[in-house]
Structures are given as structure tokens and as C-alpha cells.
PDB file of N, CA and C in Angstrom:
ATOM      1  N   ASP A   1      12.080   6.029  -1.766  1.00  0.00           N
ATOM      2  CA  ASP A   1      11.879   4.900  -0.887  1.00  0.00           C
ATOM      3  C   ASP A   1      11.267   3.707  -1.623  1.00  0.00           C
ATOM      4  N   ALA A   2      10.431   3.981  -2.600  1.00  0.00           N
ATOM      5  CA  ALA A   2       9.775   2.896  -3.324  1.00  0.00           C
ATOM      6  C   ALA A   2      10.797   1.986  -4.004  1.00  0.00           C
ATOM      7  N   GLU A   3      11.817   2.601  -4.546  1.00  0.00           N
ATOM      8  CA  GLU A   3      12.859   1.800  -5.200  1.00  0.00           C
ATOM      9  C   GLU A   3      13.565   0.894  -4.191  1.00  0.00           C
ATOM     10  N   HIS A   4      13.804   1.396  -3.005  1.00  0.00           N
ATOM     11  CA  HIS A   4      14.457   0.587  -1.970  1.00  0.00           C
ATOM     12  C   HIS A   4      13.542  -0.558  -1.514  1.00  0.00           C
ATOM     13  N   PHE A   5      12.261  -0.257  -1.310  1.00  0.00           N
ATOM     14  CA  PHE A   5      11.330  -1.311  -0.895  1.00  0.00           C
ATOM     15  C   PHE A   5      11.218  -2.405  -1.947  1.00  0.00           C
ATOM     16  N   LEU A   6      11.144  -2.017  -3.216  1.00  0.00           N
ATOM     17  CA  LEU A   6      11.058  -3.028  -4.280  1.00  0.00           C
ATOM     18  C   LEU A   6      12.353  -3.827  -4.394  1.00  0.00           C
ATOM     19  N   PHE A   7      13.486  -3.179  -4.191  1.00  0.00           N
ATOM     20  CA  PHE A   7      14.765  -3.892  -4.208  1.00  0.00           C
ATOM     21  C   PHE A   7      14.824  -4.918  -3.085  1.00  0.00           C
ATOM     22  N   ILE A   8      14.389  -4.512  -1.888  1.00  0.00           N
ATOM     23  CA  ILE A   8      14.395  -5.438  -0.751  1.00  0.00           C
ATOM     24  C   ILE A   8      13.439  -6.591  -0.999  1.00  0.00           C
ATOM     25  N   ALA A   9      12.282  -6.310  -1.581  1.00  0.00           N
ATOM     26  CA  ALA A   9      11.323  -7.370  -1.869  1.00  0.00           C
ATOM     27  C   ALA A   9      11.868  -8.341  -2.909  1.00  0.00           C
ATOM     28  N   GLU A  10      12.678  -7.845  -3.824  1.00  0.00           N
ATOM     29  CA  GLU A  10      13.207  -8.697  -4.885  1.00  0.00           C
ATOM     30  C   GLU A  10      14.461  -9.458  -4.468  1.00  0.00           C
ATOM     31  N   TYR A  11      15.395  -8.769  -3.812  1.00  0.00           N
ATOM     32  CA  TYR A  11      16.691  -9.370  -3.517  1.00  0.00           C
ATOM     33  C   TYR A  11      16.967  -9.598  -2.036  1.00  0.00           C
ATOM     34  N   GLY A  12      16.206  -8.956  -1.172  1.00  0.00           N
ATOM     35  CA  GLY A  12      16.469  -9.050   0.257  1.00  0.00           C
ATOM     36  C   GLY A  12      17.404  -7.935   0.694  1.00  0.00           C
ATOM     37  N   TYR A  13      17.892  -8.040   1.903  1.00  0.00           N
ATOM     38  CA  TYR A  13      18.783  -7.040   2.479  1.00  0.00           C
ATOM     39  C   TYR A  13      20.221  -7.355   2.090  1.00  0.00           C
ATOM     40  N   LEU A  14      20.676  -6.787   0.981  1.00  0.00           N
ATOM     41  CA  LEU A  14      22.026  -7.045   0.494  1.00  0.00           C
ATOM     42  C   LEU A  14      23.032  -6.002   0.937  1.00  0.00           C
ATOM     43  N   TYR A  15      22.596  -4.757   1.005  1.00  0.00           N
ATOM     44  CA  TYR A  15      23.515  -3.667   1.306  1.00  0.00           C
ATOM     45  C   TYR A  15      23.173  -3.044   2.648  1.00  0.00           C
ATOM     46  N   GLU A  16      24.142  -2.357   3.211  1.00  0.00           N
ATOM     47  CA  GLU A  16      23.971  -1.783   4.538  1.00  0.00           C
ATOM     48  C   GLU A  16      22.853  -0.742   4.571  1.00  0.00           C
ATOM     49  N   HIS A  17      22.712   0.056   3.519  1.00  0.00           N
ATOM     50  CA  HIS A  17      21.677   1.084   3.528  1.00  0.00           C
ATOM     51  C   HIS A  17      20.266   0.499   3.422  1.00  0.00           C
ATOM     52  N   ASN A  18      20.134  -0.771   3.058  1.00  0.00           N
ATOM     53  CA  ASN A  18      18.818  -1.410   3.024  1.00  0.00           C
ATOM     54  C   ASN A  18      18.231  -1.598   4.421  1.00  0.00           C
ATOM     55  N   PHE A  19      19.098  -1.646   5.411  1.00  0.00           N
ATOM     56  CA  PHE A  19      18.626  -1.877   6.774  1.00  0.00           C
ATOM     57  C   PHE A  19      17.896  -0.667   7.366  1.00  0.00           C
ATOM     58  N   ALA A  20      17.866   0.430   6.643  1.00  0.00           N
ATOM     59  CA  ALA A  20      17.110   1.605   7.097  1.00  0.00           C
ATOM     60  C   ALA A  20      15.601   1.409   6.908  1.00  0.00           C
ATOM     61  N   PHE A  21      15.200   0.368   6.184  1.00  0.00           N
ATOM     62  CA  PHE A  21      13.798   0.137   5.861  1.00  0.00           C
ATOM     63  C   PHE A  21      13.298  -1.109   6.578  1.00  0.00           C
ATOM     64  N   PHE A  22      12.165  -0.977   7.217  1.00  0.00           N
ATOM     65  CA  PHE A  22      11.593  -2.096   7.963  1.00  0.00           C
ATOM     66  C   PHE A  22      11.134  -3.196   7.005  1.00  0.00           C
ATOM     67  N   PRO A  23      11.130  -4.451   7.419  1.00  0.00           N
ATOM     68  CA  PRO A  23      10.892  -5.564   6.501  1.00  0.00           C
ATOM     69  C   PRO A  23       9.422  -5.914   6.243  1.00  0.00           C
ATOM     70  N   ILE A  24       8.476  -5.386   6.989  1.00  0.00           N
ATOM     71  CA  ILE A  24       7.092  -5.863   6.840  1.00  0.00           C
ATOM     72  C   ILE A  24       6.513  -5.521   5.469  1.00  0.00           C
ATOM     73  N   PHE A  25       6.718  -4.289   5.013  1.00  0.00           N
ATOM     74  CA  PHE A  25       6.167  -3.914   3.709  1.00  0.00           C
ATOM     75  C   PHE A  25       6.785  -4.723   2.568  1.00  0.00           C
ATOM     76  N   PRO A  26       8.110  -4.840   2.459  1.00  0.00           N
ATOM     77  CA  PRO A  26       8.664  -5.653   1.367  1.00  0.00           C
ATOM     78  C   PRO A  26       8.251  -7.125   1.443  1.00  0.00           C
ATOM     79  N   LEU A  27       8.164  -7.668   2.646  1.00  0.00           N
ATOM     80  CA  LEU A  27       7.740  -9.063   2.772  1.00  0.00           C
ATOM     81  C   LEU A  27       6.291  -9.252   2.348  1.00  0.00           C
ATOM     82  N   THR A  28       5.440  -8.312   2.698  1.00  0.00           N
ATOM     83  CA  THR A  28       4.035  -8.401   2.302  1.00  0.00           C
ATOM     84  C   THR A  28       3.887  -8.240   0.796  1.00  0.00           C
ATOM     85  N   VAL A  29       4.648  -7.345   0.210  1.00  0.00           N
ATOM     86  CA  VAL A  29       4.617  -7.168  -1.246  1.00  0.00           C
ATOM     87  C   VAL A  29       5.065  -8.447  -1.941  1.00  0.00           C
ATOM     88  N   ARG A  30       6.122  -9.052  -1.444  1.00  0.00           N
ATOM     89  CA  ARG A  30       6.619 -10.298  -2.033  1.00  0.00           C
ATOM     90  C   ARG A  30       5.601 -11.421  -1.871  1.00  0.00           C
ATOM     91  N   LEU A  31       4.948 -11.491  -0.707  1.00  0.00           N
ATOM     92  CA  LEU A  31       3.928 -12.505  -0.465  1.00  0.00           C
ATOM     93  C   LEU A  31       2.751 -12.349  -1.417  1.00  0.00           C
ATOM     94  N   ILE A  32       2.298 -11.129  -1.626  1.00  0.00           N
ATOM     95  CA  ILE A  32       1.192 -10.892  -2.560  1.00  0.00           C
ATOM     96  C   ILE A  32       1.599 -11.239  -3.980  1.00  0.00           C
ATOM     97  N   ALA A  33       2.812 -10.871  -4.355  1.00  0.00           N
ATOM     98  CA  ALA A  33       3.292 -11.179  -5.706  1.00  0.00           C
ATOM     99  C   ALA A  33       3.391 -12.680  -5.939  1.00  0.00           C
ATOM    100  N   ASN A  34       3.789 -13.421  -4.921  1.00  0.00           N
ATOM    101  CA  ASN A  34       3.947 -14.871  -5.084  1.00  0.00           C
ATOM    102  C   ASN A  34       2.646 -15.636  -4.946  1.00  0.00           C
ATOM    103  N   THR A  35       1.647 -15.087  -4.263  1.00  0.00           N
ATOM    104  CA  THR A  35       0.401 -15.821  -4.062  1.00  0.00           C
ATOM    105  C   THR A  35      -0.691 -15.380  -5.027  1.00  0.00           C
ATOM    106  N   PHE A  36      -1.049 -14.105  -4.992  1.00  0.00           N
ATOM    107  CA  PHE A  36      -2.176 -13.647  -5.794  1.00  0.00           C
ATOM    108  C   PHE A  36      -1.826 -13.413  -7.257  1.00  0.00           C
ATOM    109  N   LEU A  37      -0.585 -13.093  -7.527  1.00  0.00           N
ATOM    110  CA  LEU A  37      -0.185 -12.794  -8.903  1.00  0.00           C
ATOM    111  C   LEU A  37       0.581 -13.929  -9.565  1.00  0.00           C
ATOM    112  N   TRP A  38       0.545 -15.128  -8.979  1.00  0.00           N
ATOM    113  CA  TRP A  38       1.308 -16.221  -9.590  1.00  0.00           C
ATOM    114  C   TRP A  38       0.797 -16.607 -10.971  1.00  0.00           C
ATOM    115  N   PRO A  39      -0.503 -16.426 -11.319  1.00  0.00           N
ATOM    116  CA  PRO A  39      -0.884 -16.739 -12.702  1.00  0.00           C
ATOM    117  C   PRO A  39      -0.253 -15.793 -13.726  1.00  0.00           C
ATOM    118  N   LEU A  40       0.208 -14.648 -13.303  1.00  0.00           N
ATOM    119  CA  LEU A  40       0.791 -13.678 -14.226  1.00  0.00           C
ATOM    120  C   LEU A  40       2.306 -13.761 -14.313  1.00  0.00           C
ATOM    121  N   HIS A  41       2.915 -14.735 -13.661  1.00  0.00           N
ATOM    122  CA  HIS A  41       4.381 -14.828 -13.671  1.00  0.00           C
ATOM    123  C   HIS A  41       4.937 -15.035 -15.070  1.00  0.00           C
ATOM    124  N   GLY A  42       4.161 -15.652 -15.965  1.00  0.00           N
ATOM    125  CA  GLY A  42       4.632 -15.807 -17.334  1.00  0.00           C
ATOM    126  C   GLY A  42       4.547 -14.522 -18.132  1.00  0.00           C
ATOM    127  N   LEU A  43       3.660 -13.623 -17.741  1.00  0.00           N
ATOM    128  CA  LEU A  43       3.471 -12.368 -18.462  1.00  0.00           C
ATOM    129  C   LEU A  43       4.287 -11.217 -17.885  1.00  0.00           C
ATOM    130  N   LEU A  44       4.478 -11.229 -16.577  1.00  0.00           N
ATOM    131  CA  LEU A  44       5.175 -10.141 -15.908  1.00  0.00           C
ATOM    132  C   LEU A  44       6.517 -10.606 -15.364  1.00  0.00           C
ATOM    133  N   SER A  45       7.466  -9.704 -15.368  1.00  0.00           N
ATOM    134  CA  SER A  45       8.725 -10.002 -14.696  1.00  0.00           C
ATOM    135  C   SER A  45       8.489  -9.925 -13.192  1.00  0.00           C
ATOM    136  N   LEU A  46       9.439 -10.395 -12.422  1.00  0.00           N
ATOM    137  CA  LEU A  46       9.305 -10.340 -10.968  1.00  0.00           C
ATOM    138  C   LEU A  46       9.188  -8.903 -10.500  1.00  0.00           C
ATOM    139  N   ARG A  47       9.978  -8.015 -11.077  1.00  0.00           N
ATOM    140  CA  ARG A  47       9.946  -6.597 -10.686  1.00  0.00           C
ATOM    141  C   ARG A  47       8.566  -5.985 -10.967  1.00  0.00           C
ATOM    142  N   SER A  48       7.981  -6.319 -12.109  1.00  0.00           N
ATOM    143  CA  SER A  48       6.658  -5.796 -12.459  1.00  0.00           C
ATOM    144  C   SER A  48       5.585  -6.342 -11.540  1.00  0.00           C
ATOM    145  N   SER A  49       5.657  -7.619 -11.217  1.00  0.00           N
ATOM    146  CA  SER A  49       4.653  -8.191 -10.321  1.00  0.00           C
ATOM    147  C   SER A  49       4.801  -7.630  -8.906  1.00  0.00           C
ATOM    148  N   LEU A  50       6.026  -7.308  -8.489  1.00  0.00           N
ATOM    149  CA  LEU A  50       6.222  -6.664  -7.198  1.00  0.00           C
ATOM    150  C   LEU A  50       5.636  -5.256  -7.188  1.00  0.00           C
ATOM    151  N   LEU A  51       5.799  -4.538  -8.283  1.00  0.00           N
ATOM    152  CA  LEU A  51       5.242  -3.190  -8.371  1.00  0.00           C
ATOM    153  C   LEU A  51       3.716  -3.227  -8.366  1.00  0.00           C
ATOM    154  N   VAL A  52       3.129  -4.144  -9.115  1.00  0.00           N
ATOM    155  CA  VAL A  52       1.668  -4.278  -9.132  1.00  0.00           C
ATOM    156  C   VAL A  52       1.154  -4.670  -7.749  1.00  0.00           C
ATOM    157  N   SER A  53       1.842  -5.578  -7.088  1.00  0.00           N
ATOM    158  CA  SER A  53       1.396  -5.989  -5.756  1.00  0.00           C
ATOM    159  C   SER A  53       1.556  -4.859  -4.738  1.00  0.00           C
ATOM    160  N   ALA A  54       2.575  -4.014  -4.882  1.00  0.00           N
ATOM    161  CA  ALA A  54       2.733  -2.866  -3.981  1.00  0.00           C
ATOM    162  C   ALA A  54       1.591  -1.872  -4.172  1.00  0.00           C
ATOM    163  N   VAL A  55       1.198  -1.636  -5.413  1.00  0.00           N
ATOM    164  CA  VAL A  55       0.075  -0.737  -5.678  1.00  0.00           C
ATOM    165  C   VAL A  55      -1.226  -1.339  -5.148  1.00  0.00           C
ATOM    166  N   MET A  56      -1.408  -2.634  -5.330  1.00  0.00           N
ATOM    167  CA  MET A  56      -2.610  -3.299  -4.804  1.00  0.00           C
ATOM    168  C   MET A  56      -2.654  -3.211  -3.278  1.00  0.00           C
ATOM    169  N   LEU A  57      -1.539  -3.467  -2.639  1.00  0.00           N
ATOM    170  CA  LEU A  57      -1.483  -3.423  -1.171  1.00  0.00           C
ATOM    171  C   LEU A  57      -1.782  -2.027  -0.652  1.00  0.00           C
ATOM    172  N   ASN A  58      -1.140  -1.024  -1.224  1.00  0.00           N
ATOM    173  CA  ASN A  58      -1.365   0.334  -0.739  1.00  0.00           C
ATOM    174  C   ASN A  58      -2.767   0.827  -1.054  1.00  0.00           C
ATOM    175  N   SER A  59      -3.350   0.400  -2.154  1.00  0.00           N
ATOM    176  CA  SER A  59      -4.734   0.778  -2.453  1.00  0.00           C
ATOM    177  C   SER A  59      -5.690   0.137  -1.453  1.00  0.00           C
ATOM    178  N   ALA A  60      -5.463  -1.118  -1.116  1.00  0.00           N
ATOM    179  CA  ALA A  60      -6.305  -1.787  -0.122  1.00  0.00           C
ATOM    180  C   ALA A  60      -6.147  -1.130   1.248  1.00  0.00           C
ATOM    181  N   LEU A  61      -4.925  -0.774   1.606  1.00  0.00           N
ATOM    182  CA  LEU A  61      -4.698  -0.101   2.887  1.00  0.00           C
ATOM    183  C   LEU A  61      -5.298   1.300   2.910  1.00  0.00           C
ATOM    184  N   HIS A  62      -5.366   1.933   1.762  1.00  0.00           N
ATOM    185  CA  HIS A  62      -6.016   3.242   1.687  1.00  0.00           C
ATOM    186  C   HIS A  62      -7.517   3.114   1.940  1.00  0.00           C
ATOM    187  N   VAL A  63      -8.130   2.085   1.398  1.00  0.00           N
ATOM    188  CA  VAL A  63      -9.556   1.847   1.649  1.00  0.00           C
ATOM    189  C   VAL A  63      -9.789   1.561   3.129  1.00  0.00           C
ATOM    190  N   VAL A  64      -8.921   0.758   3.713  1.00  0.00           N
ATOM    191  CA  VAL A  64      -9.040   0.461   5.146  1.00  0.00           C
ATOM    192  C   VAL A  64      -8.906   1.736   5.971  1.00  0.00           C
ATOM    193  N   SER A  65      -7.979   2.606   5.600  1.00  0.00           N
ATOM    194  CA  SER A  65      -7.813   3.848   6.355  1.00  0.00           C
ATOM    195  C   SER A  65      -9.018   4.766   6.193  1.00  0.00           C
ATOM    196  N   ALA A  66      -9.668   4.748   5.033  1.00  0.00           N
ATOM    197  CA  ALA A  66     -10.881   5.553   4.851  1.00  0.00           C
ATOM    198  C   ALA A  66     -12.017   5.021   5.719  1.00  0.00           C
ATOM    199  N   VAL A  67     -12.131   3.718   5.838  1.00  0.00           N
ATOM    200  CA  VAL A  67     -13.161   3.129   6.706  1.00  0.00           C
ATOM    201  C   VAL A  67     -12.883   3.476   8.165  1.00  0.00           C
ATOM    202  N   ILE A  68     -11.626   3.403   8.575  1.00  0.00           N
ATOM    203  CA  ILE A  68     -11.270   3.757   9.947  1.00  0.00           C
ATOM    204  C   ILE A  68     -11.540   5.237  10.209  1.00  0.00           C
ATOM    205  N   LEU A  69     -11.244   6.078   9.224  1.00  0.00           N
ATOM    206  CA  LEU A  69     -11.543   7.501   9.376  1.00  0.00           C
ATOM    207  C   LEU A  69     -13.046   7.727   9.512  1.00  0.00           C
ATOM    208  N   TYR A  70     -13.847   7.004   8.746  1.00  0.00           N
ATOM    209  CA  TYR A  70     -15.302   7.124   8.852  1.00  0.00           C
ATOM    210  C   TYR A  70     -15.778   6.725  10.249  1.00  0.00           C
ATOM    211  N   ARG A  71     -15.291   5.601  10.737  1.00  0.00           N
ATOM    212  CA  ARG A  71     -15.693   5.149  12.078  1.00  0.00           C
ATOM    213  C   ARG A  71     -15.252   6.124  13.163  1.00  0.00           C
ATOM    214  N   LEU A  72     -14.047   6.642  13.036  1.00  0.00           N
ATOM    215  CA  LEU A  72     -13.573   7.634  13.993  1.00  0.00           C
ATOM    216  C   LEU A  72     -14.404   8.914  13.906  1.00  0.00           C
ATOM    217  N   GLY A  73     -14.754   9.304  12.684  1.00  0.00           N
ATOM    218  CA  GLY A  73     -15.594  10.483  12.505  1.00  0.00           C
ATOM    219  C   GLY A  73     -16.973  10.305  13.116  1.00  0.00           C
ATOM    220  N   CYS A  74     -17.515   9.108  13.037  1.00  0.00           N
ATOM    221  CA  CYS A  74     -18.811   8.843  13.669  1.00  0.00           C
ATOM    222  C   CYS A  74     -18.730   9.033  15.179  1.00  0.00           C
ATOM    223  N   ILE A  75     -17.626   8.623  15.764  1.00  0.00           N
ATOM    224  CA  ILE A  75     -17.463   8.744  17.212  1.00  0.00           C
ATOM    225  C   ILE A  75     -17.204  10.197  17.620  1.00  0.00           C
ATOM    226  N   VAL A  76     -16.272  10.839  16.935  1.00  0.00           N
ATOM    227  CA  VAL A  76     -15.851  12.175  17.342  1.00  0.00           C
ATOM    228  C   VAL A  76     -16.880  13.239  16.937  1.00  0.00           C
ATOM    229  N   LEU A  77     -17.360  13.153  15.701  1.00  0.00           N
ATOM    230  CA  LEU A  77     -18.256  14.189  15.195  1.00  0.00           C
ATOM    231  C   LEU A  77     -19.716  13.955  15.567  1.00  0.00           C
ATOM    232  N   GLN A  78     -20.033  12.747  15.958  1.00  0.00           N
ATOM    233  CA  GLN A  78     -21.398  12.376  16.335  1.00  0.00           C
ATOM    234  C   GLN A  78     -22.379  12.608  15.185  1.00  0.00           C
ATOM    235  N   SER A  79     -21.899  12.449  13.968  1.00  0.00           N
ATOM    236  CA  SER A  79     -22.728  12.638  12.785  1.00  0.00           C
ATOM    237  C   SER A  79     -22.229  11.702  11.690  1.00  0.00           C
ATOM    238  N   ARG A  80     -23.099  10.821  11.241  1.00  0.00           N
ATOM    239  CA  ARG A  80     -22.704   9.892  10.182  1.00  0.00           C
ATOM    240  C   ARG A  80     -22.472  10.631   8.872  1.00  0.00           C
ATOM    241  N   ARG A  81     -23.240  11.693   8.637  1.00  0.00           N
ATOM    242  CA  ARG A  81     -23.103  12.456   7.395  1.00  0.00           C
ATOM    243  C   ARG A  81     -21.748  13.156   7.346  1.00  0.00           C
ATOM    244  N   LEU A  82     -21.356  13.824   8.423  1.00  0.00           N
ATOM    245  CA  LEU A  82     -20.055  14.498   8.449  1.00  0.00           C
ATOM    246  C   LEU A  82     -18.902  13.495   8.394  1.00  0.00           C
ATOM    247  N   ALA A  83     -19.084  12.359   9.039  1.00  0.00           N
ATOM    248  CA  ALA A  83     -18.051  11.323   8.980  1.00  0.00           C
ATOM    249  C   ALA A  83     -17.912  10.791   7.558  1.00  0.00           C
ATOM    250  N   TYR A  84     -19.043  10.599   6.881  1.00  0.00           N
ATOM    251  CA  TYR A  84     -19.009  10.138   5.491  1.00  0.00           C
ATOM    252  C   TYR A  84     -18.323  11.176   4.600  1.00  0.00           C
ATOM    253  N   LEU A  85     -18.662  12.445   4.777  1.00  0.00           N
ATOM    254  CA  LEU A  85     -18.048  13.490   3.971  1.00  0.00           C
ATOM    255  C   LEU A  85     -16.547  13.598   4.227  1.00  0.00           C
ATOM    256  N   SER A  86     -16.133  13.442   5.465  1.00  0.00           N
ATOM    257  CA  SER A  86     -14.699  13.506   5.760  1.00  0.00           C
ATOM    258  C   SER A  86     -13.962  12.336   5.105  1.00  0.00           C
ATOM    259  N   ALA A  87     -14.543  11.158   5.147  1.00  0.00           N
ATOM    260  CA  ALA A  87     -13.909  10.007   4.489  1.00  0.00           C
ATOM    261  C   ALA A  87     -13.924  10.170   2.970  1.00  0.00           C
ATOM    262  N   LEU A  88     -14.997  10.735   2.441  1.00  0.00           N
ATOM    263  CA  LEU A  88     -15.084  10.970   1.002  1.00  0.00           C
ATOM    264  C   LEU A  88     -14.033  11.983   0.549  1.00  0.00           C
ATOM    265  N   PHE A  89     -13.901  13.083   1.285  1.00  0.00           N
ATOM    266  CA  PHE A  89     -12.897  14.084   0.932  1.00  0.00           C
ATOM    267  C   PHE A  89     -11.481  13.536   1.108  1.00  0.00           C
ATOM    268  N   PHE A  90     -11.302  12.651   2.056  1.00  0.00           N
ATOM    269  CA  PHE A  90     -10.007  11.985   2.218  1.00  0.00           C
ATOM    270  C   PHE A  90      -9.674  11.167   0.975  1.00  0.00           C
ATOM    271  N   CYS A  91     -10.678  10.505   0.412  1.00  0.00           N
ATOM    272  CA  CYS A  91     -10.451   9.681  -0.782  1.00  0.00           C
ATOM    273  C   CYS A  91     -10.302  10.518  -2.054  1.00  0.00           C
ATOM    274  N   LEU A  92     -10.920  11.708  -2.093  1.00  0.00           N
ATOM    275  CA  LEU A  92     -10.871  12.562  -3.279  1.00  0.00           C
ATOM    276  C   LEU A  92      -9.765  13.616  -3.220  1.00  0.00           C
ATOM    277  N   ASN A  93      -8.941  13.548  -2.218  1.00  0.00           N
ATOM    278  CA  ASN A  93      -7.852  14.490  -2.034  1.00  0.00           C
ATOM    279  C   ASN A  93      -6.900  14.431  -3.236  1.00  0.00           C
ATOM    280  N   PRO A  94      -6.448  15.577  -3.759  1.00  0.00           N
ATOM    281  CA  PRO A  94      -5.506  15.551  -4.886  1.00  0.00           C
ATOM    282  C   PRO A  94      -4.191  14.826  -4.564  1.00  0.00           C
ATOM    283  N   ALA A  95      -3.799  14.802  -3.308  1.00  0.00           N
ATOM    284  CA  ALA A  95      -2.579  14.096  -2.919  1.00  0.00           C
ATOM    285  C   ALA A  95      -2.810  12.597  -2.792  1.00  0.00           C
ATOM    286  N   ASN A  96      -3.975  12.147  -3.158  1.00  0.00           N
ATOM    287  CA  ASN A  96      -4.345  10.739  -3.075  1.00  0.00           C
ATOM    288  C   ASN A  96      -3.462   9.857  -3.959  1.00  0.00           C
ATOM    289  N   ILE A  97      -2.825  10.420  -4.959  1.00  0.00           N
ATOM    290  CA  ILE A  97      -1.965   9.647  -5.843  1.00  0.00           C
ATOM    291  C   ILE A  97      -0.818   8.996  -5.061  1.00  0.00           C
ATOM    292  N   PHE A  98      -0.416   9.600  -3.960  1.00  0.00           N
ATOM    293  CA  PHE A  98       0.657   9.029  -3.152  1.00  0.00           C
ATOM    294  C   PHE A  98       0.203   7.805  -2.371  1.00  0.00           C
ATOM    295  N   MET A  99      -1.106   7.620  -2.231  1.00  0.00           N
ATOM    296  CA  MET A  99      -1.613   6.449  -1.521  1.00  0.00           C
ATOM    297  C   MET A  99      -1.437   5.167  -2.336  1.00  0.00           C
ATOM    298  N   ALA A 100      -1.228   5.305  -3.638  1.00  0.00           N
ATOM    299  CA  ALA A 100      -1.021   4.128  -4.476  1.00  0.00           C
ATOM    300  C   ALA A 100       0.463   3.878  -4.756  1.00  0.00           C
ATOM    301  N   ALA A 101       1.320   4.762  -4.306  1.00  0.00           N
ATOM    302  CA  ALA A 101       2.756   4.597  -4.535  1.00  0.00           C
ATOM    303  C   ALA A 101       3.301   3.484  -3.651  1.00  0.00           C
ATOM    304  N   ALA A 102       4.436   2.984  -4.013  1.00  0.00           N
ATOM    305  CA  ALA A 102       5.032   1.853  -3.279  1.00  0.00           C
ATOM    306  C   ALA A 102       5.797   2.341  -2.055  1.00  0.00           C
ATOM    307  N   TYR A 103       5.107   3.054  -1.194  1.00  0.00           N
ATOM    308  CA  TYR A 103       5.671   3.529   0.067  1.00  0.00           C
ATOM    309  C   TYR A 103       4.991   2.796   1.194  1.00  0.00           C
ATOM    310  N   SER A 104       5.605   2.825   2.366  1.00  0.00           N
ATOM    311  CA  SER A 104       4.951   2.238   3.532  1.00  0.00           C
ATOM    312  C   SER A 104       4.380   3.328   4.398  1.00  0.00           C
TER     313      SER A 104
END
């Protein structure tokens, strides 16, 4: 899926199978690449800057999800310590590598 999202962010919806992917993630990746990474356009190709921006976006969204998990844990578990530990274990999970991949 990451290859399809990066293709859509770079070229748009050119082929019929591209329409299987929603546009918000590729548009956000393209927006980040064009705004925050514009000083690196001379050093990075467009494809590389899109990949870096996808990793940045998913890493930021992972942090947001950990904060939301902590807040939810505070409500459900009624313990700040257990909520903190659940958010910490969520961040230290071995499958955490997928949170930085260019998936939505």
C-alpha cells in the first residue's frame, strides 16, 4: 500500500486501481513535502521527500495515538500509572516499526 500512496502523492490518480485508496493521506504527505521539506528540494528528489514526509506524518500520528490511549486509559482504568504504562508499552511494542511505514 505504501507504494500506491506514494505514487498517488507524486502523480495523482492516474490508473483505475489507484481509486482504491482514499486521498487524504497522499494529499497530506504531498502538503508536508511541499511546505516543511521545501528547503531540502535541492538535496532530495520528490519521491524521497514524499517518503520522508510520510514517515514524519505517521510518526506524529503515532505520538498522538499514544496520548489518546493515555487519556482513555486514565478514564477507563482510573489510574494514571496504569494508563502511562499502557501507553508506554504501546510505544515500545515490537510491531511499532509499522507505525512509521507509509501506510494510512
